[in-house]
């Protein structure tokens, strides 16, 4: 029977339908669940629309650069003798 594939694979047997060849061949060739002739499967509804109110997150902070101290004014002048 096809029970193993109905429990362990998706309709159409995309994962295991070509594996485990028995005396009648693989499930993709002999199982209605795998060949697509089984009863249709109802697919879930699409996900809801995106939110109109996005989640706001804080940006990473950049450190404030540091600079060397300003020179003192007026400059000190040293005269040679």
PDB file of N, CA and C in Angstrom:
ATOM      1  N   UNK A   1       0.797  -1.181   0.000  1.00  0.00           N
ATOM      2  CA  UNK A   1       0.000   0.000   0.000  1.00  0.00           C
ATOM      3  C   UNK A   1       0.847   1.255   0.000  1.00  0.00           C
ATOM      4  N   UNK A   2       0.152   2.331  -0.030  1.00  0.00           N
ATOM      5  CA  UNK A   2       0.786   3.655  -0.082  1.00  0.00           C
ATOM      6  C   UNK A   2       0.787   4.349   1.267  1.00  0.00           C
ATOM      7  N   UNK A   3       0.391   3.639   2.301  1.00  0.00           N
ATOM      8  CA  UNK A   3       0.238   4.272   3.608  1.00  0.00           C
ATOM      9  C   UNK A   3       1.525   4.930   4.095  1.00  0.00           C
ATOM     10  N   UNK A   4       2.661   4.283   3.891  1.00  0.00           N
ATOM     11  CA  UNK A   4       3.921   4.833   4.393  1.00  0.00           C
ATOM     12  C   UNK A   4       4.173   6.206   3.788  1.00  0.00           C
ATOM     13  N   UNK A   5       3.939   6.369   2.488  1.00  0.00           N
ATOM     14  CA  UNK A   5       4.168   7.643   1.809  1.00  0.00           C
ATOM     15  C   UNK A   5       3.150   8.691   2.251  1.00  0.00           C
ATOM     16  N   UNK A   6       1.921   8.278   2.499  1.00  0.00           N
ATOM     17  CA  UNK A   6       0.892   9.208   2.961  1.00  0.00           C
ATOM     18  C   UNK A   6       1.246   9.792   4.324  1.00  0.00           C
ATOM     19  N   UNK A   7       1.967   9.038   5.136  1.00  0.00           N
ATOM     20  CA  UNK A   7       2.348   9.490   6.469  1.00  0.00           C
ATOM     21  C   UNK A   7       3.683  10.245   6.434  1.00  0.00           C
ATOM     22  N   UNK A   8       4.616   9.818   5.590  1.00  0.00           N
ATOM     23  CA  UNK A   8       5.987  10.314   5.656  1.00  0.00           C
ATOM     24  C   UNK A   8       6.408  11.255   4.530  1.00  0.00           C
ATOM     25  N   UNK A   9       5.530  11.544   3.589  1.00  0.00           N
ATOM     26  CA  UNK A   9       5.907  12.411   2.475  1.00  0.00           C
ATOM     27  C   UNK A   9       4.741  13.331   2.126  1.00  0.00           C
ATOM     28  N   UNK A  10       4.995  14.325   1.334  1.00  0.00           N
ATOM     29  CA  UNK A  10       3.961  15.247   0.869  1.00  0.00           C
ATOM     30  C   UNK A  10       3.244  14.650  -0.329  1.00  0.00           C
ATOM     31  N   UNK A  11       2.043  15.145  -0.684  1.00  0.00           N
ATOM     32  CA  UNK A  11       1.376  14.659  -1.888  1.00  0.00           C
ATOM     33  C   UNK A  11       2.286  14.820  -3.108  1.00  0.00           C
ATOM     34  N   UNK A  12       2.304  13.803  -3.938  1.00  0.00           N
ATOM     35  CA  UNK A  12       3.214  13.796  -5.075  1.00  0.00           C
ATOM     36  C   UNK A  12       4.545  13.151  -4.738  1.00  0.00           C
ATOM     37  N   UNK A  13       4.776  12.887  -3.460  1.00  0.00           N
ATOM     38  CA  UNK A  13       5.972  12.203  -2.947  1.00  0.00           C
ATOM     39  C   UNK A  13       7.285  12.807  -3.457  1.00  0.00           C
ATOM     40  N   UNK A  14       7.467  14.116  -3.247  1.00  0.00           N
ATOM     41  CA  UNK A  14       8.683  14.742  -3.759  1.00  0.00           C
ATOM     42  C   UNK A  14       9.967  14.299  -3.063  1.00  0.00           C
ATOM     43  N   UNK A  15       9.850  13.792  -1.846  1.00  0.00           N
ATOM     44  CA  UNK A  15      11.049  13.426  -1.109  1.00  0.00           C
ATOM     45  C   UNK A  15      11.409  11.942  -1.235  1.00  0.00           C
ATOM     46  N   UNK A  16      10.427  11.062  -1.141  1.00  0.00           N
ATOM     47  CA  UNK A  16      10.721   9.628  -1.094  1.00  0.00           C
ATOM     48  C   UNK A  16      10.050   8.816  -2.188  1.00  0.00           C
ATOM     49  N   UNK A  17       9.341   9.455  -3.115  1.00  0.00           N
ATOM     50  CA  UNK A  17       8.602   8.715  -4.137  1.00  0.00           C
ATOM     51  C   UNK A  17       9.464   7.914  -5.087  1.00  0.00           C
ATOM     52  N   UNK A  18      10.697   8.312  -5.269  1.00  0.00           N
ATOM     53  CA  UNK A  18      11.594   7.578  -6.155  1.00  0.00           C
ATOM     54  C   UNK A  18      12.509   6.622  -5.420  1.00  0.00           C
ATOM     55  N   UNK A  19      12.340   6.527  -4.114  1.00  0.00           N
ATOM     56  CA  UNK A  19      13.185   5.645  -3.291  1.00  0.00           C
ATOM     57  C   UNK A  19      12.462   4.328  -3.005  1.00  0.00           C
ATOM     58  N   UNK A  20      13.166   3.366  -2.461  1.00  0.00           N
ATOM     59  CA  UNK A  20      12.607   2.100  -1.969  1.00  0.00           C
ATOM     60  C   UNK A  20      11.891   1.302  -3.062  1.00  0.00           C
ATOM     61  N   UNK A  21      12.594   0.991  -4.100  1.00  0.00           N
ATOM     62  CA  UNK A  21      11.983   0.228  -5.182  1.00  0.00           C
ATOM     63  C   UNK A  21      11.648  -1.190  -4.709  1.00  0.00           C
ATOM     64  N   UNK A  22      10.383  -1.554  -4.867  1.00  0.00           N
ATOM     65  CA  UNK A  22       9.930  -2.888  -4.480  1.00  0.00           C
ATOM     66  C   UNK A  22       9.665  -3.729  -5.710  1.00  0.00           C
ATOM     67  N   UNK A  23       8.905  -4.795  -5.546  1.00  0.00           N
ATOM     68  CA  UNK A  23       8.623  -5.689  -6.666  1.00  0.00           C
ATOM     69  C   UNK A  23       7.776  -5.020  -7.739  1.00  0.00           C
ATOM     70  N   UNK A  24       7.041  -3.975  -7.387  1.00  0.00           N
ATOM     71  CA  UNK A  24       6.208  -3.272  -8.359  1.00  0.00           C
ATOM     72  C   UNK A  24       6.831  -1.948  -8.809  1.00  0.00           C
ATOM     73  N   UNK A  25       8.050  -1.665  -8.360  1.00  0.00           N
ATOM     74  CA  UNK A  25       8.702  -0.413  -8.724  1.00  0.00           C
ATOM     75  C   UNK A  25       8.624   0.586  -7.585  1.00  0.00           C
ATOM     76  N   UNK A  26       8.853   1.851  -7.918  1.00  0.00           N
ATOM     77  CA  UNK A  26       8.847   2.901  -6.896  1.00  0.00           C
ATOM     78  C   UNK A  26       7.440   3.476  -6.750  1.00  0.00           C
ATOM     79  N   UNK A  27       7.219   4.158  -5.651  1.00  0.00           N
ATOM     80  CA  UNK A  27       5.896   4.711  -5.354  1.00  0.00           C
ATOM     81  C   UNK A  27       5.459   5.748  -6.397  1.00  0.00           C
ATOM     82  N   UNK A  28       6.393   6.512  -6.939  1.00  0.00           N
ATOM     83  CA  UNK A  28       6.026   7.505  -7.950  1.00  0.00           C
ATOM     84  C   UNK A  28       5.375   6.877  -9.177  1.00  0.00           C
ATOM     85  N   UNK A  29       5.623   5.610  -9.417  1.00  0.00           N
ATOM     86  CA  UNK A  29       5.050   4.922 -10.579  1.00  0.00           C
ATOM     87  C   UNK A  29       3.781   4.138 -10.242  1.00  0.00           C
ATOM     88  N   UNK A  30       3.529   3.862  -8.963  1.00  0.00           N
ATOM     89  CA  UNK A  30       2.455   2.940  -8.623  1.00  0.00           C
ATOM     90  C   UNK A  30       1.505   3.386  -7.521  1.00  0.00           C
ATOM     91  N   UNK A  31       1.741   4.483  -6.903  1.00  0.00           N
ATOM     92  CA  UNK A  31       0.919   4.914  -5.777  1.00  0.00           C
ATOM     93  C   UNK A  31       0.117   6.152  -6.172  1.00  0.00           C
ATOM     94  N   UNK A  32      -1.194   6.110  -6.011  1.00  0.00           N
ATOM     95  CA  UNK A  32      -2.049   7.248  -6.372  1.00  0.00           C
ATOM     96  C   UNK A  32      -1.664   8.509  -5.603  1.00  0.00           C
ATOM     97  N   UNK A  33      -1.241   8.357  -4.366  1.00  0.00           N
ATOM     98  CA  UNK A  33      -0.834   9.507  -3.557  1.00  0.00           C
ATOM     99  C   UNK A  33       0.387  10.188  -4.166  1.00  0.00           C
ATOM    100  N   UNK A  34       1.245   9.385  -4.808  1.00  0.00           N
ATOM    101  CA  UNK A  34       2.472   9.924  -5.377  1.00  0.00           C
ATOM    102  C   UNK A  34       2.317  10.352  -6.838  1.00  0.00           C
ATOM    103  N   UNK A  35       1.405   9.767  -7.567  1.00  0.00           N
ATOM    104  CA  UNK A  35       1.269  10.109  -8.985  1.00  0.00           C
ATOM    105  C   UNK A  35       0.346  11.288  -9.210  1.00  0.00           C
ATOM    106  N   UNK A  36      -0.303  11.768  -8.159  1.00  0.00           N
ATOM    107  CA  UNK A  36      -1.161  12.929  -8.297  1.00  0.00           C
ATOM    108  C   UNK A  36      -2.593  12.596  -8.627  1.00  0.00           C
ATOM    109  N   UNK A  37      -2.961  11.333  -8.626  1.00  0.00           N
ATOM    110  CA  UNK A  37      -4.341  10.968  -8.935  1.00  0.00           C
ATOM    111  C   UNK A  37      -5.174  10.757  -7.684  1.00  0.00           C
ATOM    112  N   UNK A  38      -4.593  10.979  -6.512  1.00  0.00           N
ATOM    113  CA  UNK A  38      -5.336  10.846  -5.256  1.00  0.00           C
ATOM    114  C   UNK A  38      -6.237  12.067  -5.076  1.00  0.00           C
ATOM    115  N   UNK A  39      -7.040  12.043  -4.041  1.00  0.00           N
ATOM    116  CA  UNK A  39      -7.931  13.167  -3.749  1.00  0.00           C
ATOM    117  C   UNK A  39      -7.101  14.432  -3.541  1.00  0.00           C
ATOM    118  N   UNK A  40      -7.592  15.570  -3.992  1.00  0.00           N
ATOM    119  CA  UNK A  40      -6.816  16.799  -3.831  1.00  0.00           C
ATOM    120  C   UNK A  40      -6.618  17.157  -2.363  1.00  0.00           C
ATOM    121  N   UNK A  41      -5.525  17.790  -2.098  1.00  0.00           N
ATOM    122  CA  UNK A  41      -5.203  18.225  -0.741  1.00  0.00           C
ATOM    123  C   UNK A  41      -5.484  19.713  -0.658  1.00  0.00           C
ATOM    124  N   UNK A  42      -6.197  20.116   0.375  1.00  0.00           N
ATOM    125  CA  UNK A  42      -6.521  21.533   0.557  1.00  0.00           C
ATOM    126  C   UNK A  42      -5.290  22.236   1.104  1.00  0.00           C
ATOM    127  N   UNK A  43      -4.862  23.260   0.401  1.00  0.00           N
ATOM    128  CA  UNK A  43      -3.689  24.004   0.846  1.00  0.00           C
ATOM    129  C   UNK A  43      -4.118  25.100   1.810  1.00  0.00           C
ATOM    130  N   UNK A  44      -3.249  25.465   2.743  1.00  0.00           N
ATOM    131  CA  UNK A  44      -3.603  26.518   3.693  1.00  0.00           C
ATOM    132  C   UNK A  44      -3.715  27.870   2.991  1.00  0.00           C
ATOM    133  N   UNK A  45      -4.453  28.781   3.622  1.00  0.00           N
ATOM    134  CA  UNK A  45      -4.593  30.127   3.092  1.00  0.00           C
ATOM    135  C   UNK A  45      -3.249  30.840   3.136  1.00  0.00           C
ATOM    136  N   UNK A  46      -3.053  31.806   2.254  1.00  0.00           N
ATOM    137  CA  UNK A  46      -1.790  32.554   2.310  1.00  0.00           C
ATOM    138  C   UNK A  46      -1.662  33.310   3.618  1.00  0.00           C
ATOM    139  N   UNK A  47      -0.455  33.700   3.908  1.00  0.00           N
ATOM    140  CA  UNK A  47      -0.220  34.448   5.143  1.00  0.00           C
ATOM    141  C   UNK A  47      -0.922  35.793   5.065  1.00  0.00           C
ATOM    142  N   UNK A  48      -1.252  36.387   6.203  1.00  0.00           N
ATOM    143  CA  UNK A  48      -1.935  37.678   6.197  1.00  0.00           C
ATOM    144  C   UNK A  48      -1.062  38.760   5.550  1.00  0.00           C
ATOM    145  N   UNK A  49      -1.724  39.861   5.198  1.00  0.00           N
ATOM    146  CA  UNK A  49      -0.995  40.977   4.607  1.00  0.00           C
ATOM    147  C   UNK A  49       0.013  41.520   5.605  1.00  0.00           C
ATOM    148  N   UNK A  50       1.084  42.119   5.095  1.00  0.00           N
ATOM    149  CA  UNK A  50       2.060  42.720   6.018  1.00  0.00           C
ATOM    150  C   UNK A  50       1.416  43.807   6.871  1.00  0.00           C
ATOM    151  N   UNK A  51       1.967  44.042   7.998  1.00  0.00           N
ATOM    152  CA  UNK A  51       1.447  45.045   8.921  1.00  0.00           C
ATOM    153  C   UNK A  51       1.664  46.446   8.364  1.00  0.00           C
ATOM    154  N   UNK A  52       0.698  47.318   8.617  1.00  0.00           N
ATOM    155  CA  UNK A  52       0.864  48.714   8.246  1.00  0.00           C
ATOM    156  C   UNK A  52       1.658  49.467   9.308  1.00  0.00           C
ATOM    157  N   UNK A  53       1.903  48.818  10.415  1.00  0.00           N
ATOM    158  CA  UNK A  53       2.645  49.432  11.502  1.00  0.00           C
ATOM    159  C   UNK A  53       3.912  48.617  11.734  1.00  0.00           C
ATOM    160  N   UNK A  54       4.980  48.935  10.989  1.00  0.00           N
ATOM    161  CA  UNK A  54       6.198  48.134  11.138  1.00  0.00           C
ATOM    162  C   UNK A  54       6.811  48.273  12.524  1.00  0.00           C
ATOM    163  N   UNK A  55       7.545  47.290  12.901  1.00  0.00           N
ATOM    164  CA  UNK A  55       8.242  47.318  14.177  1.00  0.00           C
ATOM    165  C   UNK A  55       9.452  48.225  14.046  1.00  0.00           C
ATOM    166  N   UNK A  56       9.581  49.151  14.961  1.00  0.00           N
ATOM    167  CA  UNK A  56      10.692  50.093  14.923  1.00  0.00           C
ATOM    168  C   UNK A  56      11.769  49.590  15.857  1.00  0.00           C
ATOM    169  N   UNK A  57      12.975  49.525  15.339  1.00  0.00           N
ATOM    170  CA  UNK A  57      14.103  49.126  16.178  1.00  0.00           C
ATOM    171  C   UNK A  57      15.127  50.247  16.168  1.00  0.00           C
ATOM    172  N   UNK A  58      15.897  50.317  17.209  1.00  0.00           N
ATOM    173  CA  UNK A  58      16.918  51.350  17.304  1.00  0.00           C
ATOM    174  C   UNK A  58      18.111  50.958  16.451  1.00  0.00           C
ATOM    175  N   UNK A  59      18.693  51.951  15.809  1.00  0.00           N
ATOM    176  CA  UNK A  59      19.905  51.717  15.030  1.00  0.00           C
ATOM    177  C   UNK A  59      21.077  51.574  15.976  1.00  0.00           C
ATOM    178  N   UNK A  60      22.084  50.842  15.550  1.00  0.00           N
ATOM    179  CA  UNK A  60      23.269  50.757  16.407  1.00  0.00           C
ATOM    180  C   UNK A  60      23.897  52.148  16.542  1.00  0.00           C
ATOM    181  N   UNK A  61      24.376  52.446  17.718  1.00  0.00           N
ATOM    182  CA  UNK A  61      24.969  53.757  17.928  1.00  0.00           C
ATOM    183  C   UNK A  61      26.431  53.739  17.519  1.00  0.00           C
ATOM    184  N   UNK A  62      26.868  54.835  16.932  1.00  0.00           N
ATOM    185  CA  UNK A  62      28.266  54.991  16.544  1.00  0.00           C
ATOM    186  C   UNK A  62      28.951  55.823  17.622  1.00  0.00           C
ATOM    187  N   UNK A  63      30.126  55.379  18.093  1.00  0.00           N
ATOM    188  CA  UNK A  63      30.793  56.164  19.135  1.00  0.00           C
ATOM    189  C   UNK A  63      31.155  57.560  18.621  1.00  0.00           C
ATOM    190  N   UNK A  64      31.100  58.511  19.502  1.00  0.00           N
ATOM    191  CA  UNK A  64      31.478  59.880  19.148  1.00  0.00           C
ATOM    192  C   UNK A  64      32.998  59.929  19.053  1.00  0.00           C
ATOM    193  N   UNK A  65      33.527  60.470  17.934  1.00  0.00           N
ATOM    194  CA  UNK A  65      34.992  60.500  17.808  1.00  0.00           C
ATOM    195  C   UNK A  65      35.623  61.470  18.812  1.00  0.00           C
ATOM    196  N   UNK A  66      36.822  61.156  19.212  1.00  0.00           N
ATOM    197  CA  UNK A  66      37.559  62.045  20.107  1.00  0.00           C
ATOM    198  C   UNK A  66      38.692  62.687  19.315  1.00  0.00           C
ATOM    199  N   UNK A  67      38.979  63.937  19.631  1.00  0.00           N
ATOM    200  CA  UNK A  67      40.013  64.695  18.934  1.00  0.00           C
ATOM    201  C   UNK A  67      41.046  65.157  19.944  1.00  0.00           C
ATOM    202  N   UNK A  68      42.271  65.468  19.459  1.00  0.00           N
ATOM    203  CA  UNK A  68      43.274  65.992  20.403  1.00  0.00           C
ATOM    204  C   UNK A  68      42.826  67.364  20.918  1.00  0.00           C
ATOM    205  N   UNK A  69      43.335  67.783  22.069  1.00  0.00           N
ATOM    206  CA  UNK A  69      42.915  69.080  22.614  1.00  0.00           C
ATOM    207  C   UNK A  69      43.348  70.233  21.714  1.00  0.00           C
ATOM    208  N   UNK A  70      42.591  71.301  21.769  1.00  0.00           N
ATOM    209  CA  UNK A  70      42.949  72.495  21.000  1.00  0.00           C
ATOM    210  C   UNK A  70      44.177  73.145  21.628  1.00  0.00           C
ATOM    211  N   UNK A  71      44.967  73.812  20.794  1.00  0.00           N
ATOM    212  CA  UNK A  71      46.120  74.520  21.384  1.00  0.00           C
ATOM    213  C   UNK A  71      45.629  75.710  22.213  1.00  0.00           C
ATOM    214  N   UNK A  72      46.420  76.094  23.180  1.00  0.00           N
ATOM    215  CA  UNK A  72      46.021  77.222  24.021  1.00  0.00           C
ATOM    216  C   UNK A  72      46.311  78.531  23.293  1.00  0.00           C
ATOM    217  N   UNK A  73      45.498  79.536  23.556  1.00  0.00           N
ATOM    218  CA  UNK A  73      45.656  80.858  22.939  1.00  0.00           C
ATOM    219  C   UNK A  73      45.789  81.892  24.028  1.00  0.00           C
ATOM    220  N   UNK A  74      46.514  82.869  23.887  1.00  0.00           N
ATOM    221  CA  UNK A  74      47.467  83.102  22.815  1.00  0.00           C
ATOM    222  C   UNK A  74      48.626  82.141  22.925  1.00  0.00           C
ATOM    223  N   UNK A  75      49.264  81.859  21.793  1.00  0.00           N
ATOM    224  CA  UNK A  75      50.402  80.938  21.864  1.00  0.00           C
ATOM    225  C   UNK A  75      51.538  81.515  22.717  1.00  0.00           C
ATOM    226  N   UNK A  76      52.212  80.627  23.350  1.00  0.00           N
ATOM    227  CA  UNK A  76      53.353  81.051  24.167  1.00  0.00           C
ATOM    228  C   UNK A  76      54.573  81.179  23.258  1.00  0.00           C
ATOM    229  N   UNK A  77      55.203  82.337  23.317  1.00  0.00           N
ATOM    230  CA  UNK A  77      56.388  82.575  22.480  1.00  0.00           C
ATOM    231  C   UNK A  77      57.598  82.642  23.399  1.00  0.00           C
ATOM    232  N   UNK A  78      58.572  81.893  23.051  1.00  0.00           N
ATOM    233  CA  UNK A  78      59.803  81.922  23.830  1.00  0.00           C
ATOM    234  C   UNK A  78      60.874  82.591  22.965  1.00  0.00           C
ATOM    235  N   UNK A  79      61.541  83.611  23.548  1.00  0.00           N
ATOM    236  CA  UNK A  79      62.587  84.305  22.787  1.00  0.00           C
ATOM    237  C   UNK A  79      63.943  83.777  23.218  1.00  0.00           C
ATOM    238  N   UNK A  80      64.813  83.677  22.275  1.00  0.00           N
ATOM    239  CA  UNK A  80      66.164  83.265  22.588  1.00  0.00           C
ATOM    240  C   UNK A  80      66.968  84.500  23.031  1.00  0.00           C
ATOM    241  N   UNK A  81      67.917  84.328  23.927  1.00  0.00           N
ATOM    242  CA  UNK A  81      68.733  85.485  24.362  1.00  0.00           C
ATOM    243  C   UNK A  81      69.745  85.915  23.334  1.00  0.00           C
TER     244      UNK A  81
END
